[in-house]
Amino acid sequence: MGRLIRTTPGPDATVAEVAHWYELKANMLEHIAAEDGARRQVALRQAEAAHQHATQLLAA
């Protein structure tokens, strides 16, 4: 989680940098889902949303 916070893109970030950050976020959420059964479904939904957002950013 620390890496995700430290790499949050700033206002001058490129679309590719922002998309990459969303992929990092999705990976972190997938890790949480694998480790925490109680929050698994929520984390997986959030991970999927982050993957979709990254894809949409790169498609624009």
C-alpha atoms as a PDB file:
ATOM      1  CA  MET A   1       0.000   0.000   0.000  1.00  0.00           C
ATOM      2  CA  GLY A   2       2.899   2.323   0.706  1.00  0.00           C
ATOM      3  CA  ARG A   3       4.196   1.950  -2.836  1.00  0.00           C
ATOM      4  CA  LEU A   4       0.769   2.831  -4.197  1.00  0.00           C
ATOM      5  CA  ILE A   5       0.593   5.968  -2.073  1.00  0.00           C
ATOM      6  CA  ARG A   6       4.144   7.035  -2.932  1.00  0.00           C
ATOM      7  CA  THR A   7       3.522   6.637  -6.659  1.00  0.00           C
ATOM      8  CA  THR A   8       0.192   8.475  -6.863  1.00  0.00           C
ATOM      9  CA  PRO A   9       0.369  10.435 -10.116  1.00  0.00           C
ATOM     10  CA  GLY A  10       0.466  14.193  -9.911  1.00  0.00           C
ATOM     11  CA  PRO A  11      -1.346  16.742 -12.057  1.00  0.00           C
ATOM     12  CA  ASP A  12       1.372  16.626 -14.733  1.00  0.00           C
ATOM     13  CA  ALA A  13       1.275  12.826 -15.106  1.00  0.00           C
ATOM     14  CA  THR A  14       0.729  11.339 -18.539  1.00  0.00           C
ATOM     15  CA  VAL A  15      -2.275   9.185 -19.324  1.00  0.00           C
ATOM     16  CA  ALA A  16       0.033   6.159 -19.439  1.00  0.00           C
ATOM     17  CA  GLU A  17       1.403   6.966 -15.965  1.00  0.00           C
ATOM     18  CA  VAL A  18      -2.102   7.295 -14.534  1.00  0.00           C
ATOM     19  CA  ALA A  19      -3.193   4.040 -16.200  1.00  0.00           C
ATOM     20  CA  HIS A  20      -0.111   2.296 -14.800  1.00  0.00           C
ATOM     21  CA  TRP A  21      -1.007   3.559 -11.317  1.00  0.00           C
ATOM     22  CA  TYR A  22      -4.515   2.112 -11.657  1.00  0.00           C
ATOM     23  CA  GLU A  23      -2.982  -1.238 -12.607  1.00  0.00           C
ATOM     24  CA  LEU A  24      -0.795  -1.074  -9.481  1.00  0.00           C
ATOM     25  CA  LYS A  25      -3.926  -0.335  -7.456  1.00  0.00           C
ATOM     26  CA  ALA A  26      -5.728  -3.295  -9.034  1.00  0.00           C
ATOM     27  CA  ASN A  27      -2.786  -5.575  -8.204  1.00  0.00           C
ATOM     28  CA  MET A  28      -2.814  -4.412  -4.586  1.00  0.00           C
ATOM     29  CA  LEU A  29      -6.563  -5.047  -4.338  1.00  0.00           C
ATOM     30  CA  GLU A  30      -6.158  -8.522  -5.838  1.00  0.00           C
ATOM     31  CA  HIS A  31      -3.509  -9.239  -3.211  1.00  0.00           C
ATOM     32  CA  ILE A  32      -5.902  -8.080  -0.481  1.00  0.00           C
ATOM     33  CA  ALA A  33      -8.615 -10.322  -1.937  1.00  0.00           C
ATOM     34  CA  ALA A  34      -6.272 -13.308  -1.827  1.00  0.00           C
ATOM     35  CA  GLU A  35      -5.297 -12.646   1.796  1.00  0.00           C
ATOM     36  CA  ASP A  36      -8.556 -11.487   3.354  1.00  0.00           C
ATOM     37  CA  GLY A  37     -11.564 -13.733   2.843  1.00  0.00           C
ATOM     38  CA  ALA A  38     -13.910 -11.330   4.618  1.00  0.00           C
ATOM     39  CA  ARG A  39     -13.189  -8.537   2.135  1.00  0.00           C
ATOM     40  CA  ARG A  40     -12.563 -10.729  -0.890  1.00  0.00           C
ATOM     41  CA  GLN A  41     -15.621  -9.849  -2.973  1.00  0.00           C
ATOM     42  CA  VAL A  42     -15.366  -6.110  -2.346  1.00  0.00           C
ATOM     43  CA  ALA A  43     -11.639  -6.094  -3.137  1.00  0.00           C
ATOM     44  CA  LEU A  44     -12.181  -8.089  -6.338  1.00  0.00           C
ATOM     45  CA  ARG A  45     -14.904  -5.670  -7.515  1.00  0.00           C
ATOM     46  CA  GLN A  46     -12.640  -2.730  -6.802  1.00  0.00           C
ATOM     47  CA  ALA A  47      -9.743  -4.410  -8.600  1.00  0.00           C
ATOM     48  CA  GLU A  48     -11.893  -5.005 -11.668  1.00  0.00           C
ATOM     49  CA  ALA A  49     -13.004  -1.360 -11.622  1.00  0.00           C
ATOM     50  CA  ALA A  50      -9.368  -0.224 -11.463  1.00  0.00           C
ATOM     51  CA  HIS A  51      -8.424  -2.496 -14.408  1.00  0.00           C
ATOM     52  CA  GLN A  52     -11.356  -1.115 -16.415  1.00  0.00           C
ATOM     53  CA  HIS A  53     -10.415   2.472 -15.628  1.00  0.00           C
ATOM     54  CA  ALA A  54      -6.831   1.872 -16.772  1.00  0.00           C
ATOM     55  CA  THR A  55      -8.087   0.319 -19.993  1.00  0.00           C
ATOM     56  CA  GLN A  56     -10.452   3.233 -20.630  1.00  0.00           C
ATOM     57  CA  LEU A  57      -7.683   5.752 -20.046  1.00  0.00           C
ATOM     58  CA  LEU A  58      -5.439   4.078 -22.593  1.00  0.00           C
ATOM     59  CA  ALA A  59      -8.253   3.743 -25.127  1.00  0.00           C
ATOM     60  CA  ALA A  60      -9.026   7.476 -25.137  1.00  0.00           C
END
